[in-house]
């Protein structure tokens, strides 16, 4: 059961990471739900061990999963930063279109240049 939970979670994480890297349109909520479900299954399977040693192959699979989750986190961070930047550009463009310049700061000096 533990190995199956790890494999499922690795598969979901790999799919999301690949889709983000390939800039494919994805449903982040769907992936979030699938990862949450996978983590719940993993938690339940780990509880069944009741402190027993899972064995070296399972430990290696968990290390691999941890690395894939870290890579996924980094790719998601990059994606979210790009979304923030695009949102800021759009917000600035909207402000500029809606503004008539009345309250904008002027960079002109009142004193003539020498």
PDB file of N, CA and C in Angstrom:
ATOM      1  N   UNK A   1       0.824  -1.193   0.000  1.00  0.00           N
ATOM      2  CA  UNK A   1       0.000   0.000   0.000  1.00  0.00           C
ATOM      3  C   UNK A   1       0.873   1.264   0.000  1.00  0.00           C
ATOM      4  N   UNK A   2       1.959   1.245   0.769  1.00  0.00           N
ATOM      5  CA  UNK A   2       2.843   2.399   0.841  1.00  0.00           C
ATOM      6  C   UNK A   2       3.505   2.659  -0.506  1.00  0.00           C
ATOM      7  N   UNK A   3       4.013   1.624  -1.128  1.00  0.00           N
ATOM      8  CA  UNK A   3       4.673   1.797  -2.425  1.00  0.00           C
ATOM      9  C   UNK A   3       3.692   2.322  -3.472  1.00  0.00           C
ATOM     10  N   UNK A   4       2.454   1.863  -3.435  1.00  0.00           N
ATOM     11  CA  UNK A   4       1.433   2.337  -4.379  1.00  0.00           C
ATOM     12  C   UNK A   4       1.138   3.814  -4.154  1.00  0.00           C
ATOM     13  N   UNK A   5       1.033   4.219  -2.906  1.00  0.00           N
ATOM     14  CA  UNK A   5       0.763   5.624  -2.592  1.00  0.00           C
ATOM     15  C   UNK A   5       1.918   6.510  -3.069  1.00  0.00           C
ATOM     16  N   UNK A   6       3.140   6.051  -2.879  1.00  0.00           N
ATOM     17  CA  UNK A   6       4.303   6.816  -3.328  1.00  0.00           C
ATOM     18  C   UNK A   6       4.298   6.942  -4.841  1.00  0.00           C
ATOM     19  N   UNK A   7       4.055   5.834  -5.539  1.00  0.00           N
ATOM     20  CA  UNK A   7       4.048   5.852  -7.010  1.00  0.00           C
ATOM     21  C   UNK A   7       2.978   6.793  -7.549  1.00  0.00           C
ATOM     22  N   UNK A   8       1.792   6.763  -6.965  1.00  0.00           N
ATOM     23  CA  UNK A   8       0.710   7.651  -7.419  1.00  0.00           C
ATOM     24  C   UNK A   8       1.088   9.114  -7.218  1.00  0.00           C
ATOM     25  N   UNK A   9       1.651   9.407  -6.065  1.00  0.00           N
ATOM     26  CA  UNK A   9       2.017  10.787  -5.762  1.00  0.00           C
ATOM     27  C   UNK A   9       3.147  11.268  -6.675  1.00  0.00           C
ATOM     28  N   UNK A  10       4.119  10.438  -6.928  1.00  0.00           N
ATOM     29  CA  UNK A  10       5.203  10.779  -7.845  1.00  0.00           C
ATOM     30  C   UNK A  10       4.633  11.063  -9.235  1.00  0.00           C
ATOM     31  N   UNK A  11       3.707  10.253  -9.665  1.00  0.00           N
ATOM     32  CA  UNK A  11       3.095  10.433 -10.985  1.00  0.00           C
ATOM     33  C   UNK A  11       2.395  11.786 -11.102  1.00  0.00           C
ATOM     34  N   UNK A  12       1.621  12.148 -10.089  1.00  0.00           N
ATOM     35  CA  UNK A  12       0.902  13.429 -10.102  1.00  0.00           C
ATOM     36  C   UNK A  12       1.883  14.596 -10.097  1.00  0.00           C
ATOM     37  N   UNK A  13       2.888  14.519  -9.235  1.00  0.00           N
ATOM     38  CA  UNK A  13       3.870  15.590  -9.137  1.00  0.00           C
ATOM     39  C   UNK A  13       4.630  15.734 -10.454  1.00  0.00           C
ATOM     40  N   UNK A  14       5.026  14.624 -11.045  1.00  0.00           N
ATOM     41  CA  UNK A  14       5.725  14.660 -12.331  1.00  0.00           C
ATOM     42  C   UNK A  14       4.847  15.273 -13.427  1.00  0.00           C
ATOM     43  N   UNK A  15       3.579  14.906 -13.452  1.00  0.00           N
ATOM     44  CA  UNK A  15       2.663  15.452 -14.459  1.00  0.00           C
ATOM     45  C   UNK A  15       2.541  16.967 -14.328  1.00  0.00           C
ATOM     46  N   UNK A  16       2.356  17.436 -13.101  1.00  0.00           N
ATOM     47  CA  UNK A  16       2.210  18.874 -12.891  1.00  0.00           C
ATOM     48  C   UNK A  16       3.500  19.611 -13.248  1.00  0.00           C
ATOM     49  N   UNK A  17       4.629  19.108 -12.789  1.00  0.00           N
ATOM     50  CA  UNK A  17       5.910  19.750 -13.065  1.00  0.00           C
ATOM     51  C   UNK A  17       6.160  19.825 -14.567  1.00  0.00           C
ATOM     52  N   UNK A  18       5.896  18.740 -15.272  1.00  0.00           N
ATOM     53  CA  UNK A  18       6.093  18.708 -16.719  1.00  0.00           C
ATOM     54  C   UNK A  18       5.172  19.701 -17.422  1.00  0.00           C
ATOM     55  N   UNK A  19       3.916  19.729 -17.028  1.00  0.00           N
ATOM     56  CA  UNK A  19       2.959  20.653 -17.647  1.00  0.00           C
ATOM     57  C   UNK A  19       3.378  22.109 -17.426  1.00  0.00           C
ATOM     58  N   UNK A  20       3.839  22.423 -16.228  1.00  0.00           N
ATOM     59  CA  UNK A  20       4.286  23.795 -15.947  1.00  0.00           C
ATOM     60  C   UNK A  20       5.536  24.137 -16.745  1.00  0.00           C
ATOM     61  N   UNK A  21       6.469  23.231 -16.808  1.00  0.00           N
ATOM     62  CA  UNK A  21       7.701  23.475 -17.572  1.00  0.00           C
ATOM     63  C   UNK A  21       7.417  23.634 -19.065  1.00  0.00           C
ATOM     64  N   UNK A  22       6.462  22.866 -19.555  1.00  0.00           N
ATOM     65  CA  UNK A  22       6.112  22.933 -20.979  1.00  0.00           C
ATOM     66  C   UNK A  22       5.145  24.069 -21.291  1.00  0.00           C
ATOM     67  N   UNK A  23       4.766  24.815 -20.249  1.00  0.00           N
ATOM     68  CA  UNK A  23       3.851  25.960 -20.363  1.00  0.00           C
ATOM     69  C   UNK A  23       2.509  25.556 -20.966  1.00  0.00           C
ATOM     70  N   UNK A  24       2.059  24.390 -20.580  1.00  0.00           N
ATOM     71  CA  UNK A  24       0.749  23.922 -21.024  1.00  0.00           C
ATOM     72  C   UNK A  24      -0.324  24.481 -20.088  1.00  0.00           C
ATOM     73  N   UNK A  25      -1.497  24.769 -20.624  1.00  0.00           N
ATOM     74  CA  UNK A  25      -2.576  25.206 -19.718  1.00  0.00           C
ATOM     75  C   UNK A  25      -2.989  24.036 -18.821  1.00  0.00           C
ATOM     76  N   UNK A  26      -3.032  24.293 -17.516  1.00  0.00           N
ATOM     77  CA  UNK A  26      -3.386  23.235 -16.574  1.00  0.00           C
ATOM     78  C   UNK A  26      -4.348  23.776 -15.535  1.00  0.00           C
ATOM     79  N   UNK A  27      -5.047  22.869 -14.927  1.00  0.00           N
ATOM     80  CA  UNK A  27      -5.957  23.207 -13.837  1.00  0.00           C
ATOM     81  C   UNK A  27      -5.199  22.987 -12.526  1.00  0.00           C
ATOM     82  N   UNK A  28      -4.680  24.081 -11.965  1.00  0.00           N
ATOM     83  CA  UNK A  28      -3.888  23.956 -10.741  1.00  0.00           C
ATOM     84  C   UNK A  28      -4.714  23.437  -9.574  1.00  0.00           C
ATOM     85  N   UNK A  29      -6.000  23.766  -9.546  1.00  0.00           N
ATOM     86  CA  UNK A  29      -6.865  23.242  -8.483  1.00  0.00           C
ATOM     87  C   UNK A  29      -6.970  21.721  -8.564  1.00  0.00           C
ATOM     88  N   UNK A  30      -7.091  21.207  -9.762  1.00  0.00           N
ATOM     89  CA  UNK A  30      -7.157  19.753  -9.945  1.00  0.00           C
ATOM     90  C   UNK A  30      -5.876  19.091  -9.436  1.00  0.00           C
ATOM     91  N   UNK A  31      -4.730  19.654  -9.820  1.00  0.00           N
ATOM     92  CA  UNK A  31      -3.465  19.080  -9.354  1.00  0.00           C
ATOM     93  C   UNK A  31      -3.324  19.210  -7.844  1.00  0.00           C
ATOM     94  N   UNK A  32      -3.752  20.335  -7.299  1.00  0.00           N
ATOM     95  CA  UNK A  32      -3.693  20.512  -5.851  1.00  0.00           C
ATOM     96  C   UNK A  32      -4.538  19.458  -5.143  1.00  0.00           C
ATOM     97  N   UNK A  33      -5.730  19.213  -5.655  1.00  0.00           N
ATOM     98  CA  UNK A  33      -6.598  18.181  -5.065  1.00  0.00           C
ATOM     99  C   UNK A  33      -5.974  16.791  -5.181  1.00  0.00           C
ATOM    100  N   UNK A  34      -5.392  16.506  -6.335  1.00  0.00           N
ATOM    101  CA  UNK A  34      -4.772  15.194  -6.536  1.00  0.00           C
ATOM    102  C   UNK A  34      -3.561  15.009  -5.621  1.00  0.00           C
ATOM    103  N   UNK A  35      -2.760  16.061  -5.457  1.00  0.00           N
ATOM    104  CA  UNK A  35      -1.610  15.961  -4.555  1.00  0.00           C
ATOM    105  C   UNK A  35      -2.070  15.823  -3.107  1.00  0.00           C
ATOM    106  N   UNK A  36      -3.101  16.551  -2.735  1.00  0.00           N
ATOM    107  CA  UNK A  36      -3.626  16.436  -1.374  1.00  0.00           C
ATOM    108  C   UNK A  36      -4.133  15.025  -1.108  1.00  0.00           C
ATOM    109  N   UNK A  37      -4.840  14.467  -2.072  1.00  0.00           N
ATOM    110  CA  UNK A  37      -5.328  13.095  -1.938  1.00  0.00           C
ATOM    111  C   UNK A  37      -4.157  12.113  -1.823  1.00  0.00           C
ATOM    112  N   UNK A  38      -3.143  12.333  -2.646  1.00  0.00           N
ATOM    113  CA  UNK A  38      -1.962  11.468  -2.598  1.00  0.00           C
ATOM    114  C   UNK A  38      -1.239  11.560  -1.264  1.00  0.00           C
ATOM    115  N   UNK A  39      -1.131  12.758  -0.731  1.00  0.00           N
ATOM    116  CA  UNK A  39      -0.483  12.912   0.581  1.00  0.00           C
ATOM    117  C   UNK A  39      -1.304  12.271   1.690  1.00  0.00           C
ATOM    118  N   UNK A  40      -2.625  12.328   1.566  1.00  0.00           N
ATOM    119  CA  UNK A  40      -3.485  11.667   2.548  1.00  0.00           C
ATOM    120  C   UNK A  40      -3.278  10.149   2.497  1.00  0.00           C
ATOM    121  N   UNK A  41      -3.240   9.589   1.286  1.00  0.00           N
ATOM    122  CA  UNK A  41      -2.989   8.145   1.133  1.00  0.00           C
ATOM    123  C   UNK A  41      -1.623   7.777   1.695  1.00  0.00           C
ATOM    124  N   UNK A  42      -0.628   8.614   1.417  1.00  0.00           N
ATOM    125  CA  UNK A  42       0.727   8.354   1.918  1.00  0.00           C
ATOM    126  C   UNK A  42       0.748   8.389   3.442  1.00  0.00           C
ATOM    127  N   UNK A  43       0.085   9.361   4.027  1.00  0.00           N
ATOM    128  CA  UNK A  43       0.023   9.474   5.485  1.00  0.00           C
ATOM    129  C   UNK A  43      -0.627   8.232   6.100  1.00  0.00           C
ATOM    130  N   UNK A  44      -1.716   7.793   5.509  1.00  0.00           N
ATOM    131  CA  UNK A  44      -2.400   6.594   6.017  1.00  0.00           C
ATOM    132  C   UNK A  44      -1.521   5.360   5.903  1.00  0.00           C
ATOM    133  N   UNK A  45      -0.827   5.226   4.785  1.00  0.00           N
ATOM    134  CA  UNK A  45       0.043   4.067   4.593  1.00  0.00           C
ATOM    135  C   UNK A  45       1.211   4.098   5.580  1.00  0.00           C
ATOM    136  N   UNK A  46       1.748   5.284   5.839  1.00  0.00           N
ATOM    137  CA  UNK A  46       2.851   5.394   6.796  1.00  0.00           C
ATOM    138  C   UNK A  46       2.396   5.051   8.207  1.00  0.00           C
ATOM    139  N   UNK A  47       1.175   5.410   8.551  1.00  0.00           N
ATOM    140  CA  UNK A  47       0.646   5.066   9.878  1.00  0.00           C
ATOM    141  C   UNK A  47       0.523   3.557  10.062  1.00  0.00           C
ATOM    142  N   UNK A  48       0.210   2.854   8.978  1.00  0.00           N
ATOM    143  CA  UNK A  48       0.081   1.401   9.062  1.00  0.00           C
ATOM    144  C   UNK A  48       1.413   0.729   9.388  1.00  0.00           C
ATOM    145  N   UNK A  49       2.515   1.395   9.069  1.00  0.00           N
ATOM    146  CA  UNK A  49       3.828   0.837   9.406  1.00  0.00           C
ATOM    147  C   UNK A  49       4.017   0.750  10.915  1.00  0.00           C
ATOM    148  N   UNK A  50       3.391   1.665  11.623  1.00  0.00           N
ATOM    149  CA  UNK A  50       3.442   1.676  13.097  1.00  0.00           C
ATOM    150  C   UNK A  50       4.881   1.622  13.612  1.00  0.00           C
ATOM    151  N   UNK A  51       5.747   2.437  12.985  1.00  0.00           N
ATOM    152  CA  UNK A  51       7.131   2.518  13.438  1.00  0.00           C
ATOM    153  C   UNK A  51       8.055   1.468  12.863  1.00  0.00           C
ATOM    154  N   UNK A  52       7.532   0.520  12.086  1.00  0.00           N
ATOM    155  CA  UNK A  52       8.381  -0.515  11.494  1.00  0.00           C
ATOM    156  C   UNK A  52       9.253   0.087  10.384  1.00  0.00           C
ATOM    157  N   UNK A  53      10.381  -0.523  10.144  1.00  0.00           N
ATOM    158  CA  UNK A  53      11.285  -0.072   9.090  1.00  0.00           C
ATOM    159  C   UNK A  53      10.674  -0.428   7.738  1.00  0.00           C
ATOM    160  N   UNK A  54      10.463   0.562   6.858  1.00  0.00           N
ATOM    161  CA  UNK A  54       9.828   0.263   5.569  1.00  0.00           C
ATOM    162  C   UNK A  54      10.738  -0.433   4.574  1.00  0.00           C
ATOM    163  N   UNK A  55      12.015  -0.488   4.841  1.00  0.00           N
ATOM    164  CA  UNK A  55      12.945  -1.132   3.919  1.00  0.00           C
ATOM    165  C   UNK A  55      13.638  -0.099   3.043  1.00  0.00           C
ATOM    166  N   UNK A  56      14.790  -0.474   2.567  1.00  0.00           N
ATOM    167  CA  UNK A  56      15.610   0.451   1.784  1.00  0.00           C
ATOM    168  C   UNK A  56      14.957   0.884   0.474  1.00  0.00           C
ATOM    169  N   UNK A  57      14.314  -0.018  -0.292  1.00  0.00           N
ATOM    170  CA  UNK A  57      13.667   0.434  -1.535  1.00  0.00           C
ATOM    171  C   UNK A  57      12.590   1.503  -1.281  1.00  0.00           C
ATOM    172  N   UNK A  58      11.827   1.346  -0.221  1.00  0.00           N
ATOM    173  CA  UNK A  58      10.789   2.326   0.102  1.00  0.00           C
ATOM    174  C   UNK A  58      11.413   3.633   0.567  1.00  0.00           C
ATOM    175  N   UNK A  59      12.480   3.545   1.344  1.00  0.00           N
ATOM    176  CA  UNK A  59      13.181   4.760   1.772  1.00  0.00           C
ATOM    177  C   UNK A  59      13.725   5.530   0.566  1.00  0.00           C
ATOM    178  N   UNK A  60      14.276   4.787  -0.404  1.00  0.00           N
ATOM    179  CA  UNK A  60      14.777   5.429  -1.628  1.00  0.00           C
ATOM    180  C   UNK A  60      13.637   6.082  -2.407  1.00  0.00           C
ATOM    181  N   UNK A  61      12.494   5.412  -2.457  1.00  0.00           N
ATOM    182  CA  UNK A  61      11.330   5.962  -3.154  1.00  0.00           C
ATOM    183  C   UNK A  61      10.850   7.242  -2.457  1.00  0.00           C
ATOM    184  N   UNK A  62      10.890   7.255  -1.132  1.00  0.00           N
ATOM    185  CA  UNK A  62      10.493   8.453  -0.387  1.00  0.00           C
ATOM    186  C   UNK A  62      11.484   9.598  -0.604  1.00  0.00           C
ATOM    187  N   UNK A  63      12.785   9.266  -0.690  1.00  0.00           N
ATOM    188  CA  UNK A  63      13.782  10.301  -0.987  1.00  0.00           C
ATOM    189  C   UNK A  63      13.561  10.876  -2.380  1.00  0.00           C
ATOM    190  N   UNK A  64      13.258   9.996  -3.327  1.00  0.00           N
ATOM    191  CA  UNK A  64      12.975  10.439  -4.695  1.00  0.00           C
ATOM    192  C   UNK A  64      11.737  11.341  -4.711  1.00  0.00           C
ATOM    193  N   UNK A  65      10.707  10.941  -3.972  1.00  0.00           N
ATOM    194  CA  UNK A  65       9.492  11.748  -3.877  1.00  0.00           C
ATOM    195  C   UNK A  65       9.804  13.117  -3.286  1.00  0.00           C
ATOM    196  N   UNK A  66      10.600  13.150  -2.241  1.00  0.00           N
ATOM    197  CA  UNK A  66      10.970  14.434  -1.620  1.00  0.00           C
ATOM    198  C   UNK A  66      11.666  15.341  -2.633  1.00  0.00           C
ATOM    199  N   UNK A  67      12.585  14.779  -3.420  1.00  0.00           N
ATOM    200  CA  UNK A  67      13.301  15.574  -4.425  1.00  0.00           C
ATOM    201  C   UNK A  67      12.333  16.083  -5.502  1.00  0.00           C
ATOM    202  N   UNK A  68      11.417  15.237  -5.924  1.00  0.00           N
ATOM    203  CA  UNK A  68      10.436  15.643  -6.938  1.00  0.00           C
ATOM    204  C   UNK A  68       9.505  16.731  -6.395  1.00  0.00           C
ATOM    205  N   UNK A  69       9.141  16.629  -5.137  1.00  0.00           N
ATOM    206  CA  UNK A  69       8.308  17.664  -4.531  1.00  0.00           C
ATOM    207  C   UNK A  69       9.054  18.991  -4.441  1.00  0.00           C
ATOM    208  N   UNK A  70      10.337  18.947  -4.140  1.00  0.00           N
ATOM    209  CA  UNK A  70      11.139  20.174  -4.083  1.00  0.00           C
ATOM    210  C   UNK A  70      11.252  20.807  -5.474  1.00  0.00           C
ATOM    211  N   UNK A  71      11.486  19.996  -6.464  1.00  0.00           N
ATOM    212  CA  UNK A  71      11.544  20.498  -7.842  1.00  0.00           C
ATOM    213  C   UNK A  71      10.202  21.098  -8.240  1.00  0.00           C
ATOM    214  N   UNK A  72       9.122  20.417  -7.880  1.00  0.00           N
ATOM    215  CA  UNK A  72       7.770  20.906  -8.166  1.00  0.00           C
ATOM    216  C   UNK A  72       7.536  22.245  -7.482  1.00  0.00           C
ATOM    217  N   UNK A  73       7.981  22.387  -6.249  1.00  0.00           N
ATOM    218  CA  UNK A  73       7.824  23.634  -5.510  1.00  0.00           C
ATOM    219  C   UNK A  73       8.566  24.769  -6.206  1.00  0.00           C
ATOM    220  N   UNK A  74       9.769  24.489  -6.675  1.00  0.00           N
ATOM    221  CA  UNK A  74      10.557  25.510  -7.359  1.00  0.00           C
ATOM    222  C   UNK A  74       9.886  25.945  -8.667  1.00  0.00           C
ATOM    223  N   UNK A  75       9.373  24.978  -9.413  1.00  0.00           N
ATOM    224  CA  UNK A  75       8.693  25.301 -10.670  1.00  0.00           C
ATOM    225  C   UNK A  75       7.413  26.089 -10.397  1.00  0.00           C
ATOM    226  N   UNK A  76       6.676  25.702  -9.359  1.00  0.00           N
ATOM    227  CA  UNK A  76       5.473  26.452  -8.982  1.00  0.00           C
ATOM    228  C   UNK A  76       5.820  27.870  -8.544  1.00  0.00           C
ATOM    229  N   UNK A  77       6.904  28.040  -7.788  1.00  0.00           N
ATOM    230  CA  UNK A  77       7.338  29.378  -7.383  1.00  0.00           C
ATOM    231  C   UNK A  77       7.629  30.248  -8.598  1.00  0.00           C
ATOM    232  N   UNK A  78       8.319  29.690  -9.576  1.00  0.00           N
ATOM    233  CA  UNK A  78       8.625  30.422 -10.802  1.00  0.00           C
ATOM    234  C   UNK A  78       7.346  30.803 -11.534  1.00  0.00           C
ATOM    235  N   UNK A  79       6.426  29.858 -11.611  1.00  0.00           N
ATOM    236  CA  UNK A  79       5.139  30.103 -12.276  1.00  0.00           C
ATOM    237  C   UNK A  79       4.365  31.212 -11.560  1.00  0.00           C
ATOM    238  N   UNK A  80       4.300  31.151 -10.248  1.00  0.00           N
ATOM    239  CA  UNK A  80       3.574  32.155  -9.478  1.00  0.00           C
ATOM    240  C   UNK A  80       4.223  33.534  -9.581  1.00  0.00           C
ATOM    241  N   UNK A  81       5.525  33.593  -9.618  1.00  0.00           N
ATOM    242  CA  UNK A  81       6.207  34.875  -9.780  1.00  0.00           C
ATOM    243  C   UNK A  81       5.888  35.469 -11.155  1.00  0.00           C
ATOM    244  N   UNK A  82       5.848  34.631 -12.167  1.00  0.00           N
ATOM    245  CA  UNK A  82       5.481  35.119 -13.504  1.00  0.00           C
ATOM    246  C   UNK A  82       4.047  35.634 -13.523  1.00  0.00           C
ATOM    247  N   UNK A  83       3.153  34.931 -12.856  1.00  0.00           N
ATOM    248  CA  UNK A  83       1.757  35.377 -12.770  1.00  0.00           C
ATOM    249  C   UNK A  83       1.684  36.725 -12.053  1.00  0.00           C
ATOM    250  N   UNK A  84       2.437  36.885 -10.983  1.00  0.00           N
ATOM    251  CA  UNK A  84       2.454  38.167 -10.255  1.00  0.00           C
ATOM    252  C   UNK A  84       2.939  39.303 -11.154  1.00  0.00           C
ATOM    253  N   UNK A  85       3.993  39.036 -11.913  1.00  0.00           N
ATOM    254  CA  UNK A  85       4.533  40.068 -12.799  1.00  0.00           C
ATOM    255  C   UNK A  85       3.527  40.457 -13.879  1.00  0.00           C
ATOM    256  N   UNK A  86       2.879  39.474 -14.474  1.00  0.00           N
ATOM    257  CA  UNK A  86       1.873  39.761 -15.496  1.00  0.00           C
ATOM    258  C   UNK A  86       0.714  40.537 -14.883  1.00  0.00           C
ATOM    259  N   UNK A  87       0.278  40.147 -13.700  1.00  0.00           N
ATOM    260  CA  UNK A  87      -0.817  40.851 -13.025  1.00  0.00           C
ATOM    261  C   UNK A  87      -0.425  42.302 -12.741  1.00  0.00           C
ATOM    262  N   UNK A  88       0.815  42.532 -12.331  1.00  0.00           N
ATOM    263  CA  UNK A  88       1.271  43.894 -12.061  1.00  0.00           C
ATOM    264  C   UNK A  88       1.297  44.723 -13.336  1.00  0.00           C
ATOM    265  N   UNK A  89       1.723  44.136 -14.424  1.00  0.00           N
ATOM    266  CA  UNK A  89       1.749  44.845 -15.716  1.00  0.00           C
ATOM    267  C   UNK A  89       0.334  45.211 -16.138  1.00  0.00           C
ATOM    268  N   UNK A  90      -0.581  44.275 -15.999  1.00  0.00           N
ATOM    269  CA  UNK A  90      -1.977  44.539 -16.367  1.00  0.00           C
ATOM    270  C   UNK A  90      -2.580  45.612 -15.469  1.00  0.00           C
ATOM    271  N   UNK A  91      -2.319  45.536 -14.169  1.00  0.00           N
ATOM    272  CA  UNK A  91      -2.841  46.540 -13.237  1.00  0.00           C
ATOM    273  C   UNK A  91      -2.290  47.924 -13.572  1.00  0.00           C
ATOM    274  N   UNK A  92      -0.992  48.013 -13.887  1.00  0.00           N
ATOM    275  CA  UNK A  92      -0.406  49.301 -14.275  1.00  0.00           C
ATOM    276  C   UNK A  92      -1.042  49.831 -15.554  1.00  0.00           C
ATOM    277  N   UNK A  93      -1.264  48.953 -16.522  1.00  0.00           N
ATOM    278  CA  UNK A  93      -1.881  49.380 -17.776  1.00  0.00           C
ATOM    279  C   UNK A  93      -3.295  49.899 -17.542  1.00  0.00           C
ATOM    280  N   UNK A  94      -4.047  49.234 -16.693  1.00  0.00           N
ATOM    281  CA  UNK A  94      -5.412  49.676 -16.376  1.00  0.00           C
ATOM    282  C   UNK A  94      -5.373  51.031 -15.688  1.00  0.00           C
ATOM    283  N   UNK A  95      -4.456  51.206 -14.735  1.00  0.00           N
ATOM    284  CA  UNK A  95      -4.336  52.499 -14.051  1.00  0.00           C
ATOM    285  C   UNK A  95      -3.985  53.604 -15.029  1.00  0.00           C
ATOM    286  N   UNK A  96      -3.080  53.316 -15.940  1.00  0.00           N
ATOM    287  CA  UNK A  96      -2.665  54.329 -16.910  1.00  0.00           C
ATOM    288  C   UNK A  96      -3.797  54.710 -17.860  1.00  0.00           C
ATOM    289  N   UNK A  97      -4.607  53.758 -18.242  1.00  0.00           N
ATOM    290  CA  UNK A  97      -5.728  54.035 -19.136  1.00  0.00           C
ATOM    291  C   UNK A  97      -6.799  54.834 -18.415  1.00  0.00           C
ATOM    292  N   UNK A  98      -7.037  54.521 -17.160  1.00  0.00           N
ATOM    293  CA  UNK A  98      -8.093  55.184 -16.404  1.00  0.00           C
ATOM    294  C   UNK A  98      -7.672  56.546 -15.866  1.00  0.00           C
ATOM    295  N   UNK A  99      -6.388  56.813 -15.810  1.00  0.00           N
ATOM    296  CA  UNK A  99      -5.901  58.064 -15.243  1.00  0.00           C
ATOM    297  C   UNK A  99      -5.835  59.146 -16.310  1.00  0.00           C
ATOM    298  N   UNK A 100      -6.247  60.376 -15.926  1.00  0.00           N
ATOM    299  CA  UNK A 100      -6.106  61.500 -16.847  1.00  0.00           C
ATOM    300  C   UNK A 100      -4.866  62.320 -16.538  1.00  0.00           C
ATOM    301  N   UNK A 101      -4.042  61.848 -15.593  1.00  0.00           N
ATOM    302  CA  UNK A 101      -2.796  62.506 -15.263  1.00  0.00           C
ATOM    303  C   UNK A 101      -2.930  63.585 -14.206  1.00  0.00           C
ATOM    304  N   UNK A 102      -4.134  63.856 -13.735  1.00  0.00           N
ATOM    305  CA  UNK A 102      -4.369  64.934 -12.778  1.00  0.00           C
ATOM    306  C   UNK A 102      -3.565  64.757 -11.497  1.00  0.00           C
ATOM    307  N   UNK A 103      -3.489  63.563 -11.005  1.00  0.00           N
ATOM    308  CA  UNK A 103      -2.840  63.328  -9.710  1.00  0.00           C
ATOM    309  C   UNK A 103      -1.482  62.651  -9.835  1.00  0.00           C
ATOM    310  N   UNK A 104      -0.950  62.564 -11.011  1.00  0.00           N
ATOM    311  CA  UNK A 104       0.343  61.914 -11.157  1.00  0.00           C
ATOM    312  C   UNK A 104       1.455  62.882 -10.791  1.00  0.00           C
ATOM    313  N   UNK A 105       2.558  62.340 -10.366  1.00  0.00           N
ATOM    314  CA  UNK A 105       3.697  63.148  -9.934  1.00  0.00           C
ATOM    315  C   UNK A 105       4.433  63.653 -11.155  1.00  0.00           C
ATOM    316  N   UNK A 106       4.755  64.921 -11.137  1.00  0.00           N
ATOM    317  CA  UNK A 106       5.507  65.518 -12.231  1.00  0.00           C
ATOM    318  C   UNK A 106       6.989  65.483 -11.881  1.00  0.00           C
ATOM    319  N   UNK A 107       7.805  65.196 -12.851  1.00  0.00           N
ATOM    320  CA  UNK A 107       9.247  65.133 -12.620  1.00  0.00           C
ATOM    321  C   UNK A 107       9.954  66.373 -13.134  1.00  0.00           C
ATOM    322  N   UNK A 108       9.216  67.366 -13.541  1.00  0.00           N
ATOM    323  CA  UNK A 108       9.820  68.601 -14.018  1.00  0.00           C
ATOM    324  C   UNK A 108      10.271  69.443 -12.836  1.00  0.00           C
ATOM    325  N   UNK A 109      11.346  70.134 -13.042  1.00  0.00           N
ATOM    326  CA  UNK A 109      11.835  71.068 -12.029  1.00  0.00           C
ATOM    327  C   UNK A 109      11.182  72.414 -12.275  1.00  0.00           C
ATOM    328  N   UNK A 110      10.811  73.110 -11.217  1.00  0.00           N
ATOM    329  CA  UNK A 110      10.205  74.433 -11.349  1.00  0.00           C
ATOM    330  C   UNK A 110      11.255  75.483 -11.689  1.00  0.00           C
ATOM    331  N   UNK A 111      12.488  75.239 -11.288  1.00  0.00           N
ATOM    332  CA  UNK A 111      13.559  76.199 -11.556  1.00  0.00           C
ATOM    333  C   UNK A 111      14.159  75.942 -12.939  1.00  0.00           C
ATOM    334  N   UNK A 112      14.417  77.000 -13.662  1.00  0.00           N
ATOM    335  CA  UNK A 112      15.071  76.808 -14.962  1.00  0.00           C
ATOM    336  C   UNK A 112      16.491  76.277 -14.779  1.00  0.00           C
ATOM    337  N   UNK A 113      16.923  75.556 -15.735  1.00  0.00           N
ATOM    338  CA  UNK A 113      18.275  75.007 -15.663  1.00  0.00           C
ATOM    339  C   UNK A 113      19.292  76.117 -15.901  1.00  0.00           C
ATOM    340  N   UNK A 114      20.432  76.083 -15.209  1.00  0.00           N
ATOM    341  CA  UNK A 114      21.445  77.139 -15.361  1.00  0.00           C
ATOM    342  C   UNK A 114      22.122  77.111 -16.698  1.00  0.00           C
TER     343      UNK A 114
END
